[in-house]
Amino acid sequence: MSLIYPDYSKNLYSLGCGIAKWLGVELQCNTSYSLTGKKLVLLILDGFGWNIMESSLGEVKEATKIHGVFPSTTSATLASIFTGKTPAEHGILGYNTYVKRLGGIVNVLRYTHPTLNERDSLSDGLPFEKAFPEAKGYLSQVKEGTASVLPQGIENTQFTTTVQGTTQETKTYLNVWDAYESLKQLMDKGARFIYAYIPDIDSLAHKYGPYADPVKLATREIFMRFYSLLKERTDYTSIITADHGLVDTTERIEIDKDQELMNMLEIPPYGDSRALFLRSRYDLKVFLESRYNLKVFDRDETLKLLGGVDKVPESMPDFVGVPLDYSSYFFNFREKSNYTRLKGHHGGLLREELEVPLVMING
């Protein structure tokens, strides 16, 4: 198996730039999709990679294969879509990211220390928008006609209100059927732009693996339910896409047990289980590639993977290790964690992780 590298000329970053342009927000983008229509729906099915689409649905005639961003993970991808910036520009580099202002590693989606479950525990000390000043979403600049459909409980988090930005109307839901009804109601009201986010495929693929029957059954049900609705609503141009795909993990490596490596690091690894972001004064490339089945990128190489040219994010590592196989790597911040038991993982540069469908309906 071989790694692929994100094409920022035609990927989810480009899609975000295209949506901003369609909404009338001026951004400094290198590339963007051209979108048409008077009203637009963006439906993101978390984890609905091209591999899961093919294994669950076969061919979808409206689907085009595009790339996500690196690292291939939810926080970095949503930030690129809703800011119109590459990861090198917005600085959100994975599930866990180093923030100098906070003096350490932060779980981005929960905006808390990686050892904690509670959300936004850091917000009283430093708001998210000051920790990540380049990650403010453009939706907050649109003064009318926007709406969102979100799982109950994430609508007012620091990540959502900063990165996605606020919409004029937000509907929260209990399950996927409730989400369907909420989206339908907003379309009936004529909202000009509607964003809907469904996490169920990703959750199941993490638990069972991306090719397990529960994942295939859920993917068929969820996709076809929404696809049918969006297909019949010709008054809307609709986009169904994903933030990343997943791989079926074959080996789980607890990297924190490698004491020799830990002694060489300035701070614990951050990023994702399949994208190890490492800070060290030592040259780790030969050391890691001789010890593990990893491709190790230095700072200049990593900057290109993040879509950067000149701007170097504060959270930039010295090295990034990306698996060349289906192994996943873990640093256990907690003494007791279920994370290592998950079967599906993502964050790396295999096709299964980086390739996602762009399903354009009535566009």
Protein backbone atom coordinates (compact mmCIF):
# COMPACT_ATOMS: atom_id res chain seq x y z
CA MET A 1 0.00 0.00 0.00
CA SER A 2 1.22 3.53 -0.71
CA LEU A 3 0.50 6.96 0.71
CA ILE A 4 -1.28 9.68 -1.24
CA TYR A 5 -0.92 13.40 -0.66
CA PRO A 6 -3.82 15.88 -0.41
CA ASP A 7 -4.52 17.88 -3.54
CA TYR A 8 -5.47 21.33 -2.25
CA SER A 9 -6.45 22.46 -5.72
CA LYS A 10 -9.53 20.23 -5.57
CA ASN A 11 -10.48 19.09 -2.09
CA LEU A 12 -12.64 19.98 0.90
CA TYR A 13 -10.68 23.18 1.45
CA SER A 14 -11.66 24.20 -2.09
CA LEU A 15 -15.27 23.31 -1.31
CA GLY A 16 -15.24 25.56 1.75
CA CYS A 17 -13.87 28.41 -0.35
CA GLY A 18 -16.59 27.80 -2.93
CA ILE A 19 -19.35 27.92 -0.31
CA ALA A 20 -17.97 31.17 1.12
CA LYS A 21 -17.91 32.71 -2.35
CA TRP A 22 -21.47 31.52 -3.03
CA LEU A 23 -22.54 33.18 0.24
CA GLY A 24 -20.85 36.43 -0.79
CA VAL A 25 -17.96 36.26 1.69
CA GLU A 26 -14.62 37.34 0.25
CA LEU A 27 -11.72 35.09 1.26
CA GLN A 28 -8.11 34.82 0.16
CA CYS A 29 -8.36 31.34 -1.39
CA ASN A 30 -6.04 29.77 -3.93
CA THR A 31 -8.80 27.57 -5.38
CA SER A 32 -12.54 27.17 -5.00
CA TYR A 33 -15.45 25.18 -6.36
CA SER A 34 -17.97 27.03 -8.50
CA LEU A 35 -21.43 26.53 -7.00
CA THR A 36 -24.75 27.46 -8.60
CA GLY A 37 -28.36 27.68 -7.48
CA LYS A 38 -30.33 30.09 -5.33
CA LYS A 39 -30.41 27.86 -2.23
CA LEU A 40 -27.84 25.38 -0.93
CA VAL A 41 -27.70 22.41 1.46
CA LEU A 42 -24.40 21.07 2.78
CA LEU A 43 -24.77 17.63 4.41
CA ILE A 44 -21.63 16.24 6.04
CA LEU A 45 -21.77 12.55 6.93
CA ASP A 46 -18.86 12.11 9.30
CA GLY A 47 -16.67 9.14 8.29
CA PHE A 48 -18.46 8.57 4.96
CA GLY A 49 -15.24 8.01 3.01
CA TRP A 50 -15.13 6.81 -0.57
CA ASN A 51 -14.23 3.33 0.69
CA ILE A 52 -17.31 3.14 2.92
CA MET A 53 -19.53 4.52 0.16
CA GLU A 54 -18.30 1.84 -2.28
CA SER A 55 -18.59 -1.04 0.18
CA SER A 56 -22.05 0.03 1.38
CA LEU A 57 -23.71 1.52 -1.71
CA GLY A 58 -21.65 0.58 -4.73
CA GLU A 59 -21.74 3.30 -7.38
CA VAL A 60 -23.42 6.64 -6.73
CA LYS A 61 -23.71 8.31 -10.13
CA GLU A 62 -23.53 11.89 -8.80
CA ALA A 63 -20.41 11.16 -6.71
CA THR A 64 -17.00 12.58 -7.57
CA LYS A 65 -13.90 11.42 -5.70
CA ILE A 66 -12.02 14.26 -4.01
CA HIS A 67 -9.49 14.59 -1.19
CA GLY A 68 -9.92 15.76 2.36
CA VAL A 69 -7.13 17.60 4.16
CA PHE A 70 -4.23 16.42 6.29
CA PRO A 71 -4.54 15.26 8.97
CA SER A 72 -7.64 13.40 7.81
CA THR A 73 -9.69 14.09 10.91
CA THR A 74 -12.89 15.92 11.82
CA SER A 75 -11.52 18.97 13.62
CA ALA A 76 -8.99 19.90 10.92
CA THR A 77 -11.43 19.21 8.08
CA LEU A 78 -14.40 21.12 9.48
CA ALA A 79 -12.08 24.03 10.20
CA SER A 80 -10.93 24.06 6.56
CA ILE A 81 -14.49 23.87 5.23
CA PHE A 82 -15.85 26.66 7.43
CA THR A 83 -12.87 29.02 7.41
CA GLY A 84 -11.77 28.54 3.81
CA LYS A 85 -8.23 28.01 5.08
CA THR A 86 -5.81 25.11 4.92
CA PRO A 87 -4.70 23.42 8.17
CA ALA A 88 -1.41 25.32 7.88
CA GLU A 89 -3.42 28.55 7.97
CA HIS A 90 -6.04 27.83 10.64
CA GLY A 91 -3.67 25.87 12.90
CA ILE A 92 -6.00 23.05 13.99
CA LEU A 93 -3.78 20.03 13.45
CA GLY A 94 -5.68 17.01 14.66
CA TYR A 95 -7.81 15.48 17.37
CA ASN A 96 -5.25 16.83 19.85
CA THR A 97 -3.29 19.98 19.03
CA TYR A 98 -0.45 21.84 20.70
CA VAL A 99 -1.37 25.39 21.77
CA LYS A 100 1.56 27.48 22.96
CA ARG A 101 -0.67 30.09 24.60
CA LEU A 102 -2.17 27.36 26.80
CA GLY A 103 1.20 25.75 27.48
CA GLY A 104 0.37 22.29 26.19
CA ILE A 105 -1.87 19.91 24.27
CA VAL A 106 -5.60 20.48 23.84
CA ASN A 107 -8.41 18.23 22.68
CA VAL A 108 -9.79 20.55 20.02
CA LEU A 109 -13.41 19.41 19.64
CA ARG A 110 -13.98 19.36 23.40
CA TYR A 111 -11.62 22.28 24.06
CA THR A 112 -10.24 20.66 27.16
CA HIS A 113 -7.17 18.78 28.36
CA PRO A 114 -6.92 15.28 26.81
CA THR A 115 -7.39 13.66 30.23
CA LEU A 116 -10.85 15.22 30.70
CA ASN A 117 -14.27 14.33 29.30
CA GLU A 118 -16.00 17.62 30.02
CA ARG A 119 -16.39 20.17 27.25
CA ASP A 120 -14.92 23.68 27.18
CA SER A 121 -13.10 23.46 30.50
CA LEU A 122 -10.48 25.87 29.13
CA SER A 123 -12.92 28.55 27.97
CA ASP A 124 -13.01 30.55 31.22
CA GLY A 125 -9.25 30.95 31.13
CA LEU A 126 -8.91 31.55 27.39
CA PRO A 127 -11.73 31.54 24.80
CA PHE A 128 -11.29 29.20 21.83
CA GLU A 129 -11.08 32.10 19.37
CA LYS A 130 -7.98 33.42 21.15
CA ALA A 131 -6.33 30.01 21.31
CA PHE A 132 -7.02 29.56 17.57
CA PRO A 133 -7.28 33.12 16.19
CA GLU A 134 -7.13 31.97 12.55
CA ALA A 135 -10.02 29.50 12.92
CA LYS A 136 -13.01 31.84 12.93
CA GLY A 137 -15.70 30.57 10.57
CA TYR A 138 -17.13 32.73 7.79
CA LEU A 139 -20.79 31.82 8.49
CA SER A 140 -20.84 34.40 11.29
CA GLN A 141 -20.32 37.07 8.63
CA VAL A 142 -23.53 36.09 6.80
CA LYS A 143 -26.36 38.12 8.31
CA GLU A 144 -29.44 36.31 7.03
CA GLY A 145 -30.76 33.08 5.55
CA THR A 146 -28.45 30.57 7.24
CA ALA A 147 -29.45 27.55 9.32
CA SER A 148 -27.84 24.44 10.80
CA VAL A 149 -28.89 20.97 11.94
CA LEU A 150 -26.65 19.62 14.70
CA PRO A 151 -26.60 16.80 17.27
CA GLN A 152 -28.03 17.94 20.57
CA GLY A 153 -25.27 19.07 22.90
CA ILE A 154 -22.69 20.48 20.47
CA GLU A 155 -24.59 23.54 19.22
CA ASN A 156 -23.11 25.97 21.76
CA THR A 157 -19.63 24.52 22.22
CA GLN A 158 -16.58 26.70 21.74
CA PHE A 159 -15.57 24.72 18.65
CA THR A 160 -18.99 25.00 17.00
CA THR A 161 -19.61 28.68 17.67
CA THR A 162 -16.08 29.68 16.63
CA VAL A 163 -15.19 27.35 13.76
CA GLN A 164 -18.58 26.68 12.21
CA GLY A 165 -19.81 30.07 13.25
CA THR A 166 -23.31 31.03 14.28
CA THR A 167 -26.31 30.67 11.97
CA GLN A 168 -29.62 32.52 12.15
CA GLU A 169 -31.41 29.32 13.11
CA THR A 170 -30.13 26.10 14.64
CA LYS A 171 -32.13 22.92 15.06
CA THR A 172 -30.75 20.21 17.33
CA TYR A 173 -31.74 16.56 17.05
CA LEU A 174 -31.85 13.36 19.08
CA ASN A 175 -31.19 10.82 16.30
CA VAL A 176 -30.89 10.57 12.53
CA TRP A 177 -34.64 10.44 11.96
CA ASP A 178 -35.05 13.62 13.98
CA ALA A 179 -32.24 15.18 11.92
CA TYR A 180 -34.09 14.28 8.72
CA GLU A 181 -37.26 16.00 9.93
CA SER A 182 -35.31 19.05 11.09
CA LEU A 183 -33.63 19.43 7.71
CA LYS A 184 -36.93 19.00 5.92
CA GLN A 185 -38.56 21.70 8.06
CA LEU A 186 -35.77 24.18 7.34
CA MET A 187 -36.03 23.49 3.61
CA ASP A 188 -39.81 24.00 3.78
CA LYS A 189 -39.17 27.37 5.45
CA GLY A 190 -36.88 28.33 2.56
CA ALA A 191 -33.60 28.91 4.38
CA ARG A 192 -31.02 30.01 1.81
CA PHE A 193 -28.11 27.97 3.22
CA ILE A 194 -28.48 24.91 5.47
CA TYR A 195 -25.63 22.93 7.01
CA ALA A 196 -26.39 19.51 8.53
CA TYR A 197 -23.92 17.27 10.34
CA ILE A 198 -24.50 13.55 11.01
CA PRO A 199 -21.85 11.64 13.07
CA ASP A 200 -23.40 8.14 13.12
CA ILE A 201 -21.36 6.46 10.35
CA ASP A 202 -18.10 7.57 11.94
CA SER A 203 -19.17 6.41 15.40
CA LEU A 204 -20.08 2.94 14.14
CA ALA A 205 -16.98 2.62 11.95
CA HIS A 206 -14.77 3.44 14.94
CA LYS A 207 -16.48 0.78 17.04
CA TYR A 208 -16.90 -2.06 14.52
CA GLY A 209 -14.48 -1.20 11.70
CA PRO A 210 -15.41 0.48 8.40
CA TYR A 211 -16.51 -2.69 6.57
CA ALA A 212 -18.63 -4.29 9.30
CA ASP A 213 -22.30 -5.01 8.69
CA PRO A 214 -23.60 -2.41 11.18
CA VAL A 215 -21.66 0.26 9.28
CA LYS A 216 -22.91 -0.86 5.88
CA LEU A 217 -26.52 -1.04 7.05
CA ALA A 218 -26.40 2.37 8.73
CA THR A 219 -24.67 3.95 5.74
CA ARG A 220 -27.33 2.67 3.33
CA GLU A 221 -30.17 3.83 5.55
CA ILE A 222 -28.73 7.26 6.32
CA PHE A 223 -27.48 8.06 2.82
CA MET A 224 -30.60 6.92 0.97
CA ARG A 225 -32.95 8.68 3.40
CA PHE A 226 -31.27 12.05 2.90
CA TYR A 227 -30.40 11.48 -0.76
CA SER A 228 -34.07 10.84 -1.58
CA LEU A 229 -35.15 14.02 0.17
CA LEU A 230 -32.50 16.17 -1.47
CA LYS A 231 -33.09 14.64 -4.90
CA GLU A 232 -36.77 15.56 -4.90
CA ARG A 233 -36.11 19.12 -3.70
CA THR A 234 -35.10 20.67 -7.00
CA ASP A 235 -35.38 24.14 -5.47
CA TYR A 236 -32.08 23.39 -3.66
CA THR A 237 -28.60 22.57 -4.88
CA SER A 238 -27.41 19.95 -2.39
CA ILE A 239 -23.98 18.57 -1.51
CA ILE A 240 -23.38 15.37 0.42
CA THR A 241 -19.79 14.79 1.48
CA ALA A 242 -17.61 13.58 4.37
CA ASP A 243 -14.69 14.77 6.43
CA HIS A 244 -12.61 11.59 6.07
CA GLY A 245 -12.74 7.82 5.68
CA LEU A 246 -11.44 5.16 8.07
CA VAL A 247 -9.18 2.11 7.97
CA ASP A 248 -9.61 -1.21 9.73
CA THR A 249 -6.83 -1.24 12.31
CA THR A 250 -4.65 -4.36 12.29
CA GLU A 251 -2.28 -3.45 15.13
CA ARG A 252 -2.52 -1.06 18.07
CA ILE A 253 0.80 0.34 19.23
CA GLU A 254 0.98 2.11 22.59
CA ILE A 255 3.74 4.55 21.78
CA ASP A 256 3.95 5.86 25.35
CA LYS A 257 5.54 2.54 26.35
CA ASP A 258 8.56 3.27 24.12
CA GLN A 259 10.64 4.96 26.80
CA GLU A 260 13.58 5.65 24.51
CA LEU A 261 11.33 7.64 22.17
CA MET A 262 9.57 9.40 25.05
CA ASN A 263 12.95 10.57 26.36
CA MET A 264 13.64 12.19 22.98
CA LEU A 265 10.40 14.19 22.88
CA GLU A 266 9.89 17.67 24.32
CA ILE A 267 6.14 17.11 24.78
CA PRO A 268 3.86 14.07 24.29
CA PRO A 269 2.80 13.21 20.72
CA TYR A 270 -0.28 15.03 19.43
CA GLY A 271 -2.33 14.89 16.24
CA ASP A 272 -4.14 11.58 15.70
CA SER A 273 -3.70 7.85 16.08
CA ARG A 274 -2.55 7.66 12.44
CA ALA A 275 -0.70 10.98 12.30
CA LEU A 276 1.88 11.37 15.07
CA PHE A 277 2.94 14.99 15.52
CA LEU A 278 6.29 15.08 17.33
CA ARG A 279 8.48 17.83 18.79
CA SER A 280 12.10 16.96 19.40
CA ARG A 281 15.62 18.39 19.18
CA TYR A 282 16.79 15.03 17.84
CA ASP A 283 16.62 13.83 14.25
CA LEU A 284 13.81 11.30 14.62
CA LYS A 285 13.50 10.31 10.98
CA VAL A 286 16.00 7.43 10.90
CA PHE A 287 15.17 6.40 14.45
CA LEU A 288 11.41 6.07 13.82
CA GLU A 289 11.57 4.59 10.33
CA SER A 290 13.95 1.85 11.51
CA ARG A 291 11.78 1.10 14.54
CA TYR A 292 8.22 1.35 13.15
CA ASN A 293 6.50 1.06 9.78
CA LEU A 294 6.16 4.83 9.47
CA LYS A 295 6.93 7.42 6.84
CA VAL A 296 8.45 10.36 8.72
CA PHE A 297 8.12 13.90 7.35
CA ASP A 298 10.27 16.83 8.46
CA ARG A 299 8.95 20.38 8.98
CA ASP A 300 9.20 21.48 5.34
CA GLU A 301 7.53 18.30 4.10
CA THR A 302 4.84 18.57 6.76
CA LEU A 303 4.08 22.16 5.81
CA LYS A 304 3.25 21.02 2.27
CA LEU A 305 0.98 18.26 3.61
CA LEU A 306 -0.88 20.91 5.61
CA GLY A 307 -1.42 23.04 2.50
CA GLY A 308 1.04 25.71 3.57
CA VAL A 309 3.51 27.71 1.56
CA ASP A 310 4.96 30.45 3.76
CA LYS A 311 2.80 30.53 6.88
CA VAL A 312 3.99 28.17 9.61
CA PRO A 313 1.36 27.46 12.29
CA GLU A 314 2.26 27.84 15.96
CA SER A 315 1.23 24.22 16.47
CA MET A 316 3.72 23.01 13.85
CA PRO A 317 5.67 19.87 14.87
CA ASP A 318 9.26 19.06 14.02
CA PHE A 319 8.29 15.67 12.56
CA VAL A 320 5.14 13.79 11.60
CA GLY A 321 4.99 9.99 11.52
CA VAL A 322 2.35 8.47 9.22
CA PRO A 323 1.73 4.70 9.15
CA LEU A 324 2.53 2.83 5.94
CA ASP A 325 0.16 0.04 6.98
CA TYR A 326 -3.08 -0.26 8.98
CA SER A 327 -1.46 0.19 12.40
CA SER A 328 -2.61 2.87 14.83
CA TYR A 329 -0.44 4.58 17.43
CA PHE A 330 -1.58 5.75 20.85
CA PHE A 331 -0.27 7.92 23.62
CA ASN A 332 -2.44 7.17 26.64
CA PHE A 333 -3.15 10.45 28.38
CA ARG A 334 -5.55 8.59 30.68
CA GLU A 335 -4.71 5.53 32.74
CA LYS A 336 -8.01 3.96 31.66
CA SER A 337 -9.08 4.65 28.08
CA ASN A 338 -11.27 2.82 25.59
CA TYR A 339 -9.68 4.62 22.64
CA THR A 340 -7.18 1.83 21.95
CA ARG A 341 -10.02 -0.71 21.67
CA LEU A 342 -11.62 0.99 18.68
CA LYS A 343 -11.35 -0.95 15.42
CA GLY A 344 -11.59 1.90 12.93
CA HIS A 345 -9.15 4.81 12.85
CA HIS A 346 -8.13 7.68 10.58
CA GLY A 347 -5.88 10.71 10.37
CA GLY A 348 -3.28 9.37 7.93
CA LEU A 349 -2.55 9.37 4.22
CA LEU A 350 -3.94 6.11 2.88
CA ARG A 351 -6.63 6.30 0.21
CA GLU A 352 -9.22 4.95 2.61
CA GLU A 353 -8.65 7.93 4.90
CA LEU A 354 -8.14 10.79 2.47
CA GLU A 355 -10.57 10.05 -0.39
CA VAL A 356 -14.15 11.21 0.15
CA PRO A 357 -17.18 11.50 -2.13
CA LEU A 358 -18.56 14.83 -3.31
CA VAL A 359 -22.17 14.10 -4.22
CA MET A 360 -23.68 17.06 -6.06
CA ILE A 361 -27.47 16.94 -6.39
CA ASN A 362 -29.51 19.31 -8.59
CA GLY A 363 -26.41 21.41 -9.15
